[in-house]
Amino acid sequence: MATVHDAVHHIQDEITEINDQENKDSNNISSNTK
């Protein structure tokens, strides 16, 4: 079960990284349009 938990945790980390990158991109876009 530890391997399943590790895999889920790894996926959550990747999702967090993707969300952080999208937030940076949208921040750059909104600051560029102002």
PDB file of N, CA and C in Angstrom:
ATOM      1  N   MET A   1       0.846  -1.208   0.000  1.00  0.00           N
ATOM      2  CA  MET A   1       0.000   0.000   0.000  1.00  0.00           C
ATOM      3  C   MET A   1       0.882   1.260   0.000  1.00  0.00           C
ATOM      4  N   ALA A   2       2.081   1.122   0.524  1.00  0.00           N
ATOM      5  CA  ALA A   2       2.971   2.289   0.564  1.00  0.00           C
ATOM      6  C   ALA A   2       3.299   2.763  -0.848  1.00  0.00           C
ATOM      7  N   THR A   3       3.427   1.806  -1.771  1.00  0.00           N
ATOM      8  CA  THR A   3       3.769   2.191  -3.147  1.00  0.00           C
ATOM      9  C   THR A   3       2.618   2.974  -3.776  1.00  0.00           C
ATOM     10  N   VAL A   4       1.381   2.563  -3.482  1.00  0.00           N
ATOM     11  CA  VAL A   4       0.222   3.293  -4.016  1.00  0.00           C
ATOM     12  C   VAL A   4       0.199   4.700  -3.432  1.00  0.00           C
ATOM     13  N   HIS A   5       0.456   4.799  -2.137  1.00  0.00           N
ATOM     14  CA  HIS A   5       0.453   6.103  -1.476  1.00  0.00           C
ATOM     15  C   HIS A   5       1.543   6.992  -2.058  1.00  0.00           C
ATOM     16  N   ASP A   6       2.725   6.413  -2.287  1.00  0.00           N
ATOM     17  CA  ASP A   6       3.823   7.189  -2.865  1.00  0.00           C
ATOM     18  C   ASP A   6       3.455   7.695  -4.252  1.00  0.00           C
ATOM     19  N   ALA A   7       2.805   6.843  -5.040  1.00  0.00           N
ATOM     20  CA  ALA A   7       2.427   7.237  -6.401  1.00  0.00           C
ATOM     21  C   ALA A   7       1.424   8.382  -6.359  1.00  0.00           C
ATOM     22  N   VAL A   8       0.437   8.284  -5.474  1.00  0.00           N
ATOM     23  CA  VAL A   8      -0.570   9.347  -5.357  1.00  0.00           C
ATOM     24  C   VAL A   8       0.109  10.650  -4.940  1.00  0.00           C
ATOM     25  N   HIS A   9       1.027  10.552  -3.983  1.00  0.00           N
ATOM     26  CA  HIS A   9       1.715  11.750  -3.507  1.00  0.00           C
ATOM     27  C   HIS A   9       2.533  12.370  -4.634  1.00  0.00           C
ATOM     28  N   HIS A  10       3.170  11.535  -5.433  1.00  0.00           N
ATOM     29  CA  HIS A  10       3.979  12.024  -6.554  1.00  0.00           C
ATOM     30  C   HIS A  10       3.106  12.743  -7.577  1.00  0.00           C
ATOM     31  N   ILE A  11       1.940  12.183  -7.852  1.00  0.00           N
ATOM     32  CA  ILE A  11       1.014  12.805  -8.805  1.00  0.00           C
ATOM     33  C   ILE A  11       0.536  14.150  -8.261  1.00  0.00           C
ATOM     34  N   GLN A  12       0.229  14.197  -6.973  1.00  0.00           N
ATOM     35  CA  GLN A  12      -0.231  15.453  -6.378  1.00  0.00           C
ATOM     36  C   GLN A  12       0.854  16.521  -6.479  1.00  0.00           C
ATOM     37  N   ASP A  13       2.121  16.107  -6.292  1.00  0.00           N
ATOM     38  CA  ASP A  13       3.220  17.061  -6.415  1.00  0.00           C
ATOM     39  C   ASP A  13       3.299  17.607  -7.833  1.00  0.00           C
ATOM     40  N   GLU A  14       3.119  16.727  -8.825  1.00  0.00           N
ATOM     41  CA  GLU A  14       3.189  17.178 -10.216  1.00  0.00           C
ATOM     42  C   GLU A  14       2.035  18.127 -10.530  1.00  0.00           C
ATOM     43  N   ILE A  15       0.844  17.820 -10.008  1.00  0.00           N
ATOM     44  CA  ILE A  15      -0.313  18.698 -10.233  1.00  0.00           C
ATOM     45  C   ILE A  15      -0.041  20.068  -9.614  1.00  0.00           C
ATOM     46  N   THR A  16       0.558  20.069  -8.433  1.00  0.00           N
ATOM     47  CA  THR A  16       0.867  21.337  -7.769  1.00  0.00           C
ATOM     48  C   THR A  16       1.847  22.147  -8.604  1.00  0.00           C
ATOM     49  N   GLU A  17       2.859  21.475  -9.169  1.00  0.00           N
ATOM     50  CA  GLU A  17       3.834  22.184 -10.003  1.00  0.00           C
ATOM     51  C   GLU A  17       3.159  22.772 -11.234  1.00  0.00           C
ATOM     52  N   ILE A  18       2.259  22.004 -11.851  1.00  0.00           N
ATOM     53  CA  ILE A  18       1.558  22.481 -13.046  1.00  0.00           C
ATOM     54  C   ILE A  18       0.691  23.684 -12.689  1.00  0.00           C
ATOM     55  N   ASN A  19      -0.017  23.608 -11.567  1.00  0.00           N
ATOM     56  CA  ASN A  19      -0.879  24.717 -11.154  1.00  0.00           C
ATOM     57  C   ASN A  19      -0.040  25.960 -10.869  1.00  0.00           C
ATOM     58  N   ASP A  20       1.123  25.772 -10.220  1.00  0.00           N
ATOM     59  CA  ASP A  20       1.992  26.907  -9.937  1.00  0.00           C
ATOM     60  C   ASP A  20       2.450  27.561 -11.238  1.00  0.00           C
ATOM     61  N   GLN A  21       2.805  26.741 -12.234  1.00  0.00           N
ATOM     62  CA  GLN A  21       3.265  27.277 -13.511  1.00  0.00           C
ATOM     63  C   GLN A  21       2.142  28.034 -14.211  1.00  0.00           C
ATOM     64  N   GLU A  22       0.928  27.487 -14.158  1.00  0.00           N
ATOM     65  CA  GLU A  22      -0.205  28.165 -14.792  1.00  0.00           C
ATOM     66  C   GLU A  22      -0.489  29.491 -14.095  1.00  0.00           C
ATOM     67  N   ASN A  23      -0.350  29.512 -12.770  1.00  0.00           N
ATOM     68  CA  ASN A  23      -0.583  30.751 -12.035  1.00  0.00           C
ATOM     69  C   ASN A  23       0.442  31.804 -12.441  1.00  0.00           C
ATOM     70  N   LYS A  24       1.702  31.392 -12.605  1.00  0.00           N
ATOM     71  CA  LYS A  24       2.736  32.337 -13.030  1.00  0.00           C
ATOM     72  C   LYS A  24       2.425  32.849 -14.426  1.00  0.00           C
ATOM     73  N   ASP A  25       2.004  31.956 -15.319  1.00  0.00           N
ATOM     74  CA  ASP A  25       1.696  32.358 -16.693  1.00  0.00           C
ATOM     75  C   ASP A  25       0.550  33.367 -16.711  1.00  0.00           C
ATOM     76  N   SER A  26      -0.517  33.100 -15.973  1.00  0.00           N
ATOM     77  CA  SER A  26      -1.667  34.000 -15.986  1.00  0.00           C
ATOM     78  C   SER A  26      -1.301  35.327 -15.318  1.00  0.00           C
ATOM     79  N   ASN A  27      -0.413  35.283 -14.320  1.00  0.00           N
ATOM     80  CA  ASN A  27       0.026  36.531 -13.702  1.00  0.00           C
ATOM     81  C   ASN A  27       0.815  37.363 -14.704  1.00  0.00           C
ATOM     82  N   ASN A  28       1.655  36.705 -15.493  1.00  0.00           N
ATOM     83  CA  ASN A  28       2.428  37.420 -16.506  1.00  0.00           C
ATOM     84  C   ASN A  28       1.506  38.015 -17.556  1.00  0.00           C
ATOM     85  N   ILE A  29       0.489  37.260 -17.953  1.00  0.00           N
ATOM     86  CA  ILE A  29      -0.441  37.737 -18.979  1.00  0.00           C
ATOM     87  C   ILE A  29      -1.211  38.954 -18.460  1.00  0.00           C
ATOM     88  N   SER A  30      -1.729  38.874 -17.247  1.00  0.00           N
ATOM     89  CA  SER A  30      -2.530  39.977 -16.722  1.00  0.00           C
ATOM     90  C   SER A  30      -1.658  41.209 -16.500  1.00  0.00           C
ATOM     91  N   SER A  31      -0.409  41.032 -16.097  1.00  0.00           N
ATOM     92  CA  SER A  31       0.454  42.193 -15.886  1.00  0.00           C
ATOM     93  C   SER A  31       0.862  42.804 -17.222  1.00  0.00           C
ATOM     94  N   ASN A  32       0.936  41.981 -18.262  1.00  0.00           N
ATOM     95  CA  ASN A  32       1.299  42.503 -19.583  1.00  0.00           C
ATOM     96  C   ASN A  32       0.155  43.311 -20.196  1.00  0.00           C
ATOM     97  N   THR A  33      -1.086  42.950 -19.876  1.00  0.00           N
ATOM     98  CA  THR A  33      -2.225  43.630 -20.497  1.00  0.00           C
ATOM     99  C   THR A  33      -2.553  44.933 -19.775  1.00  0.00           C
ATOM    100  N   LYS A  34      -2.022  45.124 -18.572  1.00  0.00           N
ATOM    101  CA  LYS A  34      -2.338  46.352 -17.833  1.00  0.00           C
ATOM    102  C   LYS A  34      -1.542  47.530 -18.388  1.00  0.00           C
TER     103      LYS A  34
END
